[in-house]
């Protein structure tokens, strides 16, 4: 399980509208979006190292603009061998690019 949280200097709506780019970047399947709750989810396919991951994403307001939280969980298994972290970073980078911004450090 991996959790990545990043702040962006854009309103939550801008991040929300960019979520499909994140899903596409990780090859996400069966995406579901809940605009009221600021929550989205999808799954990745099998790889050589795992059966895939469940990817859960939250968009929320924060002081400098908005926060993106990406949580990955193995579908089956104990160790993800860093796959969850790579997926979360790829997702976040694609959303940042689509929203026309970079994450705040």
PDB file of N, CA and C in Angstrom:
ATOM      1  N   UNK A   1       0.850  -1.170   0.000  1.00  0.00           N
ATOM      2  CA  UNK A   1       0.000   0.000   0.000  1.00  0.00           C
ATOM      3  C   UNK A   1       0.898   1.235   0.000  1.00  0.00           C
ATOM      4  N   UNK A   2       0.558   2.173  -0.862  1.00  0.00           N
ATOM      5  CA  UNK A   2       1.294   3.427  -0.965  1.00  0.00           C
ATOM      6  C   UNK A   2       0.311   4.584  -0.938  1.00  0.00           C
ATOM      7  N   UNK A   3       0.660   5.641  -0.227  1.00  0.00           N
ATOM      8  CA  UNK A   3      -0.144   6.860  -0.226  1.00  0.00           C
ATOM      9  C   UNK A   3       0.762   8.026  -0.594  1.00  0.00           C
ATOM     10  N   UNK A   4       0.344   8.789  -1.602  1.00  0.00           N
ATOM     11  CA  UNK A   4       1.070   9.973  -2.048  1.00  0.00           C
ATOM     12  C   UNK A   4       0.119  11.159  -1.931  1.00  0.00           C
ATOM     13  N   UNK A   5       0.577  12.217  -1.273  1.00  0.00           N
ATOM     14  CA  UNK A   5      -0.247  13.418  -1.124  1.00  0.00           C
ATOM     15  C   UNK A   5       0.557  14.618  -1.586  1.00  0.00           C
ATOM     16  N   UNK A   6      -0.035  15.405  -2.516  1.00  0.00           N
ATOM     17  CA  UNK A   6       0.642  16.575  -3.045  1.00  0.00           C
ATOM     18  C   UNK A   6      -0.316  17.746  -3.118  1.00  0.00           C
ATOM     19  N   UNK A   7       0.226  18.952  -2.889  1.00  0.00           N
ATOM     20  CA  UNK A   7      -0.560  20.180  -2.980  1.00  0.00           C
ATOM     21  C   UNK A   7      -0.270  20.863  -4.309  1.00  0.00           C
ATOM     22  N   UNK A   8      -1.295  21.506  -4.861  1.00  0.00           N
ATOM     23  CA  UNK A   8      -1.185  22.194  -6.133  1.00  0.00           C
ATOM     24  C   UNK A   8      -1.785  23.593  -6.000  1.00  0.00           C
ATOM     25  N   UNK A   9      -1.214  24.580  -6.707  1.00  0.00           N
ATOM     26  CA  UNK A   9      -1.717  25.952  -6.609  1.00  0.00           C
ATOM     27  C   UNK A   9      -2.867  26.238  -7.579  1.00  0.00           C
ATOM     28  N   UNK A  10      -3.780  25.303  -7.701  1.00  0.00           N
ATOM     29  CA  UNK A  10      -4.946  25.459  -8.580  1.00  0.00           C
ATOM     30  C   UNK A  10      -6.196  25.066  -7.802  1.00  0.00           C
ATOM     31  N   UNK A  11      -7.371  25.524  -8.220  1.00  0.00           N
ATOM     32  CA  UNK A  11      -8.594  25.139  -7.521  1.00  0.00           C
ATOM     33  C   UNK A  11      -8.874  23.641  -7.693  1.00  0.00           C
ATOM     34  N   UNK A  12      -9.623  23.057  -6.766  1.00  0.00           N
ATOM     35  CA  UNK A  12      -9.928  21.627  -6.847  1.00  0.00           C
ATOM     36  C   UNK A  12     -10.580  21.223  -8.169  1.00  0.00           C
ATOM     37  N   UNK A  13     -11.370  22.100  -8.760  1.00  0.00           N
ATOM     38  CA  UNK A  13     -12.044  21.770 -10.023  1.00  0.00           C
ATOM     39  C   UNK A  13     -11.035  21.493 -11.129  1.00  0.00           C
ATOM     40  N   UNK A  14      -9.919  22.229 -11.137  1.00  0.00           N
ATOM     41  CA  UNK A  14      -8.886  22.021 -12.153  1.00  0.00           C
ATOM     42  C   UNK A  14      -8.255  20.643 -12.004  1.00  0.00           C
ATOM     43  N   UNK A  15      -7.985  20.230 -10.768  1.00  0.00           N
ATOM     44  CA  UNK A  15      -7.435  18.882 -10.555  1.00  0.00           C
ATOM     45  C   UNK A  15      -8.464  17.826 -10.911  1.00  0.00           C
ATOM     46  N   UNK A  16      -9.701  18.060 -10.509  1.00  0.00           N
ATOM     47  CA  UNK A  16     -10.767  17.089 -10.784  1.00  0.00           C
ATOM     48  C   UNK A  16     -10.900  16.846 -12.289  1.00  0.00           C
ATOM     49  N   UNK A  17     -10.872  17.927 -13.064  1.00  0.00           N
ATOM     50  CA  UNK A  17     -11.005  17.804 -14.514  1.00  0.00           C
ATOM     51  C   UNK A  17      -9.805  17.123 -15.152  1.00  0.00           C
ATOM     52  N   UNK A  18      -8.671  17.106 -14.456  1.00  0.00           N
ATOM     53  CA  UNK A  18      -7.454  16.485 -14.980  1.00  0.00           C
ATOM     54  C   UNK A  18      -7.317  15.012 -14.581  1.00  0.00           C
ATOM     55  N   UNK A  19      -8.199  14.495 -13.733  1.00  0.00           N
ATOM     56  CA  UNK A  19      -8.078  13.103 -13.283  1.00  0.00           C
ATOM     57  C   UNK A  19      -8.098  12.075 -14.415  1.00  0.00           C
ATOM     58  N   UNK A  20      -8.909  12.247 -15.468  1.00  0.00           N
ATOM     59  CA  UNK A  20      -8.862  11.266 -16.556  1.00  0.00           C
ATOM     60  C   UNK A  20      -7.475  11.127 -17.189  1.00  0.00           C
ATOM     61  N   UNK A  21      -6.681  12.186 -17.176  1.00  0.00           N
ATOM     62  CA  UNK A  21      -5.314  12.103 -17.696  1.00  0.00           C
ATOM     63  C   UNK A  21      -4.467  11.183 -16.811  1.00  0.00           C
ATOM     64  N   UNK A  22      -4.686  11.236 -15.512  1.00  0.00           N
ATOM     65  CA  UNK A  22      -3.980  10.348 -14.593  1.00  0.00           C
ATOM     66  C   UNK A  22      -4.365   8.902 -14.799  1.00  0.00           C
ATOM     67  N   UNK A  23      -5.660   8.670 -14.982  1.00  0.00           N
ATOM     68  CA  UNK A  23      -6.143   7.305 -15.232  1.00  0.00           C
ATOM     69  C   UNK A  23      -5.520   6.768 -16.514  1.00  0.00           C
ATOM     70  N   UNK A  24      -5.486   7.581 -17.562  1.00  0.00           N
ATOM     71  CA  UNK A  24      -4.902   7.152 -18.835  1.00  0.00           C
ATOM     72  C   UNK A  24      -3.408   6.877 -18.702  1.00  0.00           C
ATOM     73  N   UNK A  25      -2.706   7.699 -17.914  1.00  0.00           N
ATOM     74  CA  UNK A  25      -1.253   7.557 -17.763  1.00  0.00           C
ATOM     75  C   UNK A  25      -0.861   6.236 -17.111  1.00  0.00           C
ATOM     76  N   UNK A  26      -1.708   5.713 -16.238  1.00  0.00           N
ATOM     77  CA  UNK A  26      -1.371   4.449 -15.568  1.00  0.00           C
ATOM     78  C   UNK A  26      -2.062   3.255 -16.216  1.00  0.00           C
ATOM     79  N   UNK A  27      -2.778   3.506 -17.294  1.00  0.00           N
ATOM     80  CA  UNK A  27      -3.504   2.417 -17.951  1.00  0.00           C
ATOM     81  C   UNK A  27      -4.651   1.913 -17.098  1.00  0.00           C
ATOM     82  N   UNK A  28      -5.289   2.817 -16.357  1.00  0.00           N
ATOM     83  CA  UNK A  28      -6.371   2.445 -15.446  1.00  0.00           C
ATOM     84  C   UNK A  28      -7.579   1.886 -16.170  1.00  0.00           C
ATOM     85  N   UNK A  29      -8.193   0.910 -15.559  1.00  0.00           N
ATOM     86  CA  UNK A  29      -9.377   0.266 -16.114  1.00  0.00           C
ATOM     87  C   UNK A  29     -10.568   0.512 -15.197  1.00  0.00           C
ATOM     88  N   UNK A  30     -11.742   0.575 -15.768  1.00  0.00           N
ATOM     89  CA  UNK A  30     -12.999   0.723 -15.036  1.00  0.00           C
ATOM     90  C   UNK A  30     -12.991   1.920 -14.085  1.00  0.00           C
ATOM     91  N   UNK A  31     -12.657   3.127 -14.582  1.00  0.00           N
ATOM     92  CA  UNK A  31     -12.660   4.286 -13.678  1.00  0.00           C
ATOM     93  C   UNK A  31     -14.074   4.643 -13.228  1.00  0.00           C
ATOM     94  N   UNK A  32     -14.167   5.112 -11.998  1.00  0.00           N
ATOM     95  CA  UNK A  32     -15.429   5.593 -11.437  1.00  0.00           C
ATOM     96  C   UNK A  32     -15.138   6.913 -10.740  1.00  0.00           C
ATOM     97  N   UNK A  33     -15.994   7.906 -10.997  1.00  0.00           N
ATOM     98  CA  UNK A  33     -15.789   9.243 -10.457  1.00  0.00           C
ATOM     99  C   UNK A  33     -16.989   9.649  -9.603  1.00  0.00           C
ATOM    100  N   UNK A  34     -16.720  10.169  -8.411  1.00  0.00           N
ATOM    101  CA  UNK A  34     -17.751  10.693  -7.528  1.00  0.00           C
ATOM    102  C   UNK A  34     -17.434  12.161  -7.273  1.00  0.00           C
ATOM    103  N   UNK A  35     -18.005  13.045  -8.093  1.00  0.00           N
ATOM    104  CA  UNK A  35     -17.695  14.468  -8.002  1.00  0.00           C
ATOM    105  C   UNK A  35     -18.123  15.058  -6.661  1.00  0.00           C
ATOM    106  N   UNK A  36     -19.245  14.604  -6.110  1.00  0.00           N
ATOM    107  CA  UNK A  36     -19.729  15.135  -4.828  1.00  0.00           C
ATOM    108  C   UNK A  36     -18.739  14.858  -3.701  1.00  0.00           C
ATOM    109  N   UNK A  37     -18.167  13.663  -3.700  1.00  0.00           N
ATOM    110  CA  UNK A  37     -17.234  13.283  -2.646  1.00  0.00           C
ATOM    111  C   UNK A  37     -15.785  13.613  -2.967  1.00  0.00           C
ATOM    112  N   UNK A  38     -15.513  14.052  -4.199  1.00  0.00           N
ATOM    113  CA  UNK A  38     -14.143  14.341  -4.595  1.00  0.00           C
ATOM    114  C   UNK A  38     -13.292  13.089  -4.651  1.00  0.00           C
ATOM    115  N   UNK A  39     -13.897  11.976  -5.044  1.00  0.00           N
ATOM    116  CA  UNK A  39     -13.239  10.679  -5.013  1.00  0.00           C
ATOM    117  C   UNK A  39     -13.312  10.008  -6.385  1.00  0.00           C
ATOM    118  N   UNK A  40     -12.240   9.359  -6.777  1.00  0.00           N
ATOM    119  CA  UNK A  40     -12.214   8.574  -8.011  1.00  0.00           C
ATOM    120  C   UNK A  40     -11.453   7.287  -7.741  1.00  0.00           C
ATOM    121  N   UNK A  41     -11.752   6.252  -8.516  1.00  0.00           N
ATOM    122  CA  UNK A  41     -11.077   4.977  -8.352  1.00  0.00           C
ATOM    123  C   UNK A  41     -10.917   4.292  -9.708  1.00  0.00           C
ATOM    124  N   UNK A  42      -9.901   3.468  -9.814  1.00  0.00           N
ATOM    125  CA  UNK A  42      -9.698   2.638 -11.002  1.00  0.00           C
ATOM    126  C   UNK A  42      -8.796   1.471 -10.601  1.00  0.00           C
ATOM    127  N   UNK A  43      -8.529   0.601 -11.553  1.00  0.00           N
ATOM    128  CA  UNK A  43      -7.657  -0.546 -11.304  1.00  0.00           C
ATOM    129  C   UNK A  43      -6.611  -0.629 -12.400  1.00  0.00           C
ATOM    130  N   UNK A  44      -5.460  -1.167 -12.058  1.00  0.00           N
ATOM    131  CA  UNK A  44      -4.449  -1.421 -13.072  1.00  0.00           C
ATOM    132  C   UNK A  44      -4.462  -2.915 -13.393  1.00  0.00           C
ATOM    133  N   UNK A  45      -3.885  -3.256 -14.514  1.00  0.00           N
ATOM    134  CA  UNK A  45      -3.832  -4.657 -14.921  1.00  0.00           C
ATOM    135  C   UNK A  45      -2.665  -5.393 -14.278  1.00  0.00           C
ATOM    136  N   UNK A  46      -2.581  -6.666 -14.585  1.00  0.00           N
ATOM    137  CA  UNK A  46      -1.505  -7.500 -14.063  1.00  0.00           C
ATOM    138  C   UNK A  46      -0.167  -7.093 -14.678  1.00  0.00           C
ATOM    139  N   UNK A  47       0.887  -7.282 -13.898  1.00  0.00           N
ATOM    140  CA  UNK A  47       2.249  -7.088 -14.375  1.00  0.00           C
ATOM    141  C   UNK A  47       3.040  -8.342 -14.037  1.00  0.00           C
ATOM    142  N   UNK A  48       4.300  -8.333 -14.376  1.00  0.00           N
ATOM    143  CA  UNK A  48       5.156  -9.468 -14.040  1.00  0.00           C
ATOM    144  C   UNK A  48       5.277  -9.622 -12.530  1.00  0.00           C
ATOM    145  N   UNK A  49       5.202  -8.506 -11.816  1.00  0.00           N
ATOM    146  CA  UNK A  49       5.410  -8.537 -10.368  1.00  0.00           C
ATOM    147  C   UNK A  49       4.140  -8.608  -9.532  1.00  0.00           C
ATOM    148  N   UNK A  50       2.969  -8.323 -10.124  1.00  0.00           N
ATOM    149  CA  UNK A  50       1.766  -8.307  -9.294  1.00  0.00           C
ATOM    150  C   UNK A  50       0.509  -8.606 -10.103  1.00  0.00           C
ATOM    151  N   UNK A  51      -0.574  -8.790  -9.372  1.00  0.00           N
ATOM    152  CA  UNK A  51      -1.891  -9.013  -9.974  1.00  0.00           C
ATOM    153  C   UNK A  51      -2.570  -7.689 -10.307  1.00  0.00           C
ATOM    154  N   UNK A  52      -1.903  -6.582 -10.026  1.00  0.00           N
ATOM    155  CA  UNK A  52      -2.466  -5.261 -10.284  1.00  0.00           C
ATOM    156  C   UNK A  52      -2.746  -4.528  -8.995  1.00  0.00           C
ATOM    157  N   UNK A  53      -3.215  -3.310  -9.152  1.00  0.00           N
ATOM    158  CA  UNK A  53      -3.452  -2.439  -8.012  1.00  0.00           C
ATOM    159  C   UNK A  53      -4.823  -1.787  -8.104  1.00  0.00           C
ATOM    160  N   UNK A  54      -5.408  -1.516  -6.947  1.00  0.00           N
ATOM    161  CA  UNK A  54      -6.577  -0.642  -6.849  1.00  0.00           C
ATOM    162  C   UNK A  54      -6.014   0.753  -6.594  1.00  0.00           C
ATOM    163  N   UNK A  55      -6.469   1.734  -7.358  1.00  0.00           N
ATOM    164  CA  UNK A  55      -5.984   3.106  -7.204  1.00  0.00           C
ATOM    165  C   UNK A  55      -7.165   3.978  -6.780  1.00  0.00           C
ATOM    166  N   UNK A  56      -7.044   4.596  -5.613  1.00  0.00           N
ATOM    167  CA  UNK A  56      -8.076   5.487  -5.083  1.00  0.00           C
ATOM    168  C   UNK A  56      -7.495   6.891  -5.016  1.00  0.00           C
ATOM    169  N   UNK A  57      -8.288   7.877  -5.451  1.00  0.00           N
ATOM    170  CA  UNK A  57      -7.807   9.251  -5.543  1.00  0.00           C
ATOM    171  C   UNK A  57      -8.826  10.186  -4.897  1.00  0.00           C
ATOM    172  N   UNK A  58      -8.327  11.144  -4.112  1.00  0.00           N
ATOM    173  CA  UNK A  58      -9.164  12.165  -3.511  1.00  0.00           C
ATOM    174  C   UNK A  58      -8.640  13.533  -3.906  1.00  0.00           C
ATOM    175  N   UNK A  59      -9.546  14.449  -4.196  1.00  0.00           N
ATOM    176  CA  UNK A  59      -9.209  15.846  -4.464  1.00  0.00           C
ATOM    177  C   UNK A  59      -9.907  16.675  -3.396  1.00  0.00           C
ATOM    178  N   UNK A  60      -9.146  17.536  -2.731  1.00  0.00           N
ATOM    179  CA  UNK A  60      -9.734  18.360  -1.673  1.00  0.00           C
ATOM    180  C   UNK A  60      -9.145  19.769  -1.706  1.00  0.00           C
ATOM    181  N   UNK A  61      -9.864  20.694  -1.095  1.00  0.00           N
ATOM    182  CA  UNK A  61      -9.376  22.071  -0.981  1.00  0.00           C
ATOM    183  C   UNK A  61      -8.292  22.139   0.084  1.00  0.00           C
ATOM    184  N   UNK A  62      -7.337  23.016  -0.137  1.00  0.00           N
ATOM    185  CA  UNK A  62      -6.306  23.264   0.870  1.00  0.00           C
ATOM    186  C   UNK A  62      -5.889  24.725   0.757  1.00  0.00           C
ATOM    187  N   UNK A  63      -5.091  25.191   1.685  1.00  0.00           N
ATOM    188  CA  UNK A  63      -4.721  26.607   1.749  1.00  0.00           C
ATOM    189  C   UNK A  63      -4.109  27.147   0.448  1.00  0.00           C
ATOM    190  N   UNK A  64      -3.112  26.483  -0.142  1.00  0.00           N
ATOM    191  CA  UNK A  64      -2.550  27.069  -1.358  1.00  0.00           C
ATOM    192  C   UNK A  64      -3.374  26.806  -2.613  1.00  0.00           C
ATOM    193  N   UNK A  65      -4.381  25.982  -2.552  1.00  0.00           N
ATOM    194  CA  UNK A  65      -5.204  25.670  -3.728  1.00  0.00           C
ATOM    195  C   UNK A  65      -5.966  24.376  -3.547  1.00  0.00           C
ATOM    196  N   UNK A  66      -5.293  23.258  -3.792  1.00  0.00           N
ATOM    197  CA  UNK A  66      -5.951  21.961  -3.636  1.00  0.00           C
ATOM    198  C   UNK A  66      -4.922  20.873  -3.370  1.00  0.00           C
ATOM    199  N   UNK A  67      -5.414  19.759  -2.864  1.00  0.00           N
ATOM    200  CA  UNK A  67      -4.557  18.623  -2.542  1.00  0.00           C
ATOM    201  C   UNK A  67      -5.052  17.397  -3.276  1.00  0.00           C
ATOM    202  N   UNK A  68      -4.107  16.653  -3.834  1.00  0.00           N
ATOM    203  CA  UNK A  68      -4.385  15.391  -4.508  1.00  0.00           C
ATOM    204  C   UNK A  68      -3.787  14.283  -3.655  1.00  0.00           C
ATOM    205  N   UNK A  69      -4.613  13.310  -3.281  1.00  0.00           N
ATOM    206  CA  UNK A  69      -4.149  12.158  -2.528  1.00  0.00           C
ATOM    207  C   UNK A  69      -4.378  10.917  -3.373  1.00  0.00           C
ATOM    208  N   UNK A  70      -3.315  10.161  -3.600  1.00  0.00           N
ATOM    209  CA  UNK A  70      -3.395   8.933  -4.388  1.00  0.00           C
ATOM    210  C   UNK A  70      -2.997   7.775  -3.482  1.00  0.00           C
ATOM    211  N   UNK A  71      -3.869   6.777  -3.373  1.00  0.00           N
ATOM    212  CA  UNK A  71      -3.597   5.606  -2.550  1.00  0.00           C
ATOM    213  C   UNK A  71      -3.689   4.369  -3.431  1.00  0.00           C
ATOM    214  N   UNK A  72      -2.653   3.546  -3.404  1.00  0.00           N
ATOM    215  CA  UNK A  72      -2.656   2.302  -4.170  1.00  0.00           C
ATOM    216  C   UNK A  72      -2.662   1.122  -3.212  1.00  0.00           C
ATOM    217  N   UNK A  73      -3.405   0.086  -3.582  1.00  0.00           N
ATOM    218  CA  UNK A  73      -3.503  -1.124  -2.774  1.00  0.00           C
ATOM    219  C   UNK A  73      -3.428  -2.320  -3.709  1.00  0.00           C
ATOM    220  N   UNK A  74      -2.598  -3.292  -3.368  1.00  0.00           N
ATOM    221  CA  UNK A  74      -2.499  -4.510  -4.175  1.00  0.00           C
ATOM    222  C   UNK A  74      -3.832  -5.237  -4.242  1.00  0.00           C
ATOM    223  N   UNK A  75      -4.158  -5.760  -5.409  1.00  0.00           N
ATOM    224  CA  UNK A  75      -5.352  -6.597  -5.524  1.00  0.00           C
ATOM    225  C   UNK A  75      -5.128  -7.907  -4.782  1.00  0.00           C
ATOM    226  N   UNK A  76      -3.926  -8.450  -4.912  1.00  0.00           N
ATOM    227  CA  UNK A  76      -3.586  -9.722  -4.287  1.00  0.00           C
ATOM    228  C   UNK A  76      -2.087  -9.729  -4.050  1.00  0.00           C
ATOM    229  N   UNK A  77      -1.668 -10.066  -2.866  1.00  0.00           N
ATOM    230  CA  UNK A  77      -0.241 -10.144  -2.582  1.00  0.00           C
ATOM    231  C   UNK A  77       0.128  -9.401  -1.322  1.00  0.00           C
ATOM    232  N   UNK A  78       1.422  -9.459  -1.012  1.00  0.00           N
ATOM    233  CA  UNK A  78       1.924  -8.845   0.206  1.00  0.00           C
ATOM    234  C   UNK A  78       2.844  -7.668  -0.110  1.00  0.00           C
ATOM    235  N   UNK A  79       3.788  -7.842  -1.037  1.00  0.00           N
ATOM    236  CA  UNK A  79       4.734  -6.798  -1.400  1.00  0.00           C
ATOM    237  C   UNK A  79       4.441  -6.297  -2.793  1.00  0.00           C
ATOM    238  N   UNK A  80       4.556  -4.983  -2.964  1.00  0.00           N
ATOM    239  CA  UNK A  80       4.309  -4.444  -4.308  1.00  0.00           C
ATOM    240  C   UNK A  80       5.596  -4.078  -5.033  1.00  0.00           C
ATOM    241  N   UNK A  81       6.749  -4.272  -4.391  1.00  0.00           N
ATOM    242  CA  UNK A  81       8.056  -4.070  -5.018  1.00  0.00           C
ATOM    243  C   UNK A  81       8.200  -2.672  -5.611  1.00  0.00           C
ATOM    244  N   UNK A  82       7.577  -1.673  -5.009  1.00  0.00           N
ATOM    245  CA  UNK A  82       7.685  -0.293  -5.466  1.00  0.00           C
ATOM    246  C   UNK A  82       6.710   0.078  -6.572  1.00  0.00           C
ATOM    247  N   UNK A  83       5.902  -0.878  -7.016  1.00  0.00           N
ATOM    248  CA  UNK A  83       4.954  -0.610  -8.098  1.00  0.00           C
ATOM    249  C   UNK A  83       3.932   0.456  -7.686  1.00  0.00           C
ATOM    250  N   UNK A  84       3.434   0.396  -6.478  1.00  0.00           N
ATOM    251  CA  UNK A  84       2.446   1.367  -5.999  1.00  0.00           C
ATOM    252  C   UNK A  84       2.982   2.785  -6.020  1.00  0.00           C
ATOM    253  N   UNK A  85       4.226   2.963  -5.591  1.00  0.00           N
ATOM    254  CA  UNK A  85       4.842   4.282  -5.586  1.00  0.00           C
ATOM    255  C   UNK A  85       5.008   4.798  -7.015  1.00  0.00           C
ATOM    256  N   UNK A  86       5.423   3.941  -7.937  1.00  0.00           N
ATOM    257  CA  UNK A  86       5.578   4.355  -9.336  1.00  0.00           C
ATOM    258  C   UNK A  86       4.232   4.748  -9.938  1.00  0.00           C
ATOM    259  N   UNK A  87       3.203   3.981  -9.644  1.00  0.00           N
ATOM    260  CA  UNK A  87       1.867   4.288 -10.164  1.00  0.00           C
ATOM    261  C   UNK A  87       1.377   5.624  -9.609  1.00  0.00           C
ATOM    262  N   UNK A  88       1.519   5.835  -8.304  1.00  0.00           N
ATOM    263  CA  UNK A  88       1.064   7.077  -7.673  1.00  0.00           C
ATOM    264  C   UNK A  88       1.799   8.287  -8.249  1.00  0.00           C
ATOM    265  N   UNK A  89       3.098   8.172  -8.433  1.00  0.00           N
ATOM    266  CA  UNK A  89       3.872   9.285  -8.985  1.00  0.00           C
ATOM    267  C   UNK A  89       3.486   9.555 -10.439  1.00  0.00           C
ATOM    268  N   UNK A  90       3.312   8.504 -11.227  1.00  0.00           N
ATOM    269  CA  UNK A  90       2.924   8.677 -12.629  1.00  0.00           C
ATOM    270  C   UNK A  90       1.544   9.329 -12.722  1.00  0.00           C
ATOM    271  N   UNK A  91       0.618   8.889 -11.875  1.00  0.00           N
ATOM    272  CA  UNK A  91      -0.725   9.455 -11.844  1.00  0.00           C
ATOM    273  C   UNK A  91      -0.665  10.944 -11.511  1.00  0.00           C
ATOM    274  N   UNK A  92       0.045  11.281 -10.446  1.00  0.00           N
ATOM    275  CA  UNK A  92       0.144  12.670 -10.001  1.00  0.00           C
ATOM    276  C   UNK A  92       0.810  13.553 -11.053  1.00  0.00           C
ATOM    277  N   UNK A  93       1.851  13.068 -11.691  1.00  0.00           N
ATOM    278  CA  UNK A  93       2.549  13.853 -12.726  1.00  0.00           C
ATOM    279  C   UNK A  93       1.631  14.119 -13.918  1.00  0.00           C
ATOM    280  N   UNK A  94       0.843  13.126 -14.314  1.00  0.00           N
ATOM    281  CA  UNK A  94      -0.075  13.306 -15.447  1.00  0.00           C
ATOM    282  C   UNK A  94      -1.167  14.314 -15.111  1.00  0.00           C
ATOM    283  N   UNK A  95      -1.679  14.265 -13.887  1.00  0.00           N
ATOM    284  CA  UNK A  95      -2.699  15.221 -13.456  1.00  0.00           C
ATOM    285  C   UNK A  95      -2.113  16.632 -13.427  1.00  0.00           C
ATOM    286  N   UNK A  96      -0.898  16.765 -12.893  1.00  0.00           N
ATOM    287  CA  UNK A  96      -0.242  18.075 -12.840  1.00  0.00           C
ATOM    288  C   UNK A  96      -0.045  18.635 -14.242  1.00  0.00           C
ATOM    289  N   UNK A  97       0.399  17.808 -15.170  1.00  0.00           N
ATOM    290  CA  UNK A  97       0.623  18.244 -16.538  1.00  0.00           C
ATOM    291  C   UNK A  97      -0.696  18.677 -17.191  1.00  0.00           C
ATOM    292  N   UNK A  98      -1.735  17.852 -17.012  1.00  0.00           N
ATOM    293  CA  UNK A  98      -3.041  18.163 -17.603  1.00  0.00           C
ATOM    294  C   UNK A  98      -3.658  19.428 -17.001  1.00  0.00           C
ATOM    295  N   UNK A  99      -3.366  19.684 -15.718  1.00  0.00           N
ATOM    296  CA  UNK A  99      -3.901  20.883 -15.060  1.00  0.00           C
ATOM    297  C   UNK A  99      -3.028  22.109 -15.345  1.00  0.00           C
ATOM    298  N   UNK A 100      -1.886  21.900 -15.999  1.00  0.00           N
ATOM    299  CA  UNK A 100      -1.023  23.016 -16.349  1.00  0.00           C
ATOM    300  C   UNK A 100      -0.254  23.592 -15.178  1.00  0.00           C
ATOM    301  N   UNK A 101       0.108  22.732 -14.237  1.00  0.00           N
ATOM    302  CA  UNK A 101       0.805  23.202 -13.038  1.00  0.00           C
ATOM    303  C   UNK A 101       1.787  22.151 -12.575  1.00  0.00           C
ATOM    304  N   UNK A 102       2.508  22.471 -11.538  1.00  0.00           N
ATOM    305  CA  UNK A 102       3.412  21.521 -10.892  1.00  0.00           C
ATOM    306  C   UNK A 102       3.049  21.470  -9.411  1.00  0.00           C
ATOM    307  N   UNK A 103       3.418  20.373  -8.782  1.00  0.00           N
ATOM    308  CA  UNK A 103       3.127  20.223  -7.360  1.00  0.00           C
ATOM    309  C   UNK A 103       3.967  21.195  -6.534  1.00  0.00           C
ATOM    310  N   UNK A 104       3.410  21.660  -5.432  1.00  0.00           N
ATOM    311  CA  UNK A 104       4.148  22.493  -4.485  1.00  0.00           C
ATOM    312  C   UNK A 104       5.009  21.586  -3.620  1.00  0.00           C
ATOM    313  N   UNK A 105       6.188  22.011  -3.293  1.00  0.00           N
ATOM    314  CA  UNK A 105       7.046  21.186  -2.451  1.00  0.00           C
ATOM    315  C   UNK A 105       7.011  21.631  -1.023  1.00  0.00           C
TER     316      UNK A 105
END
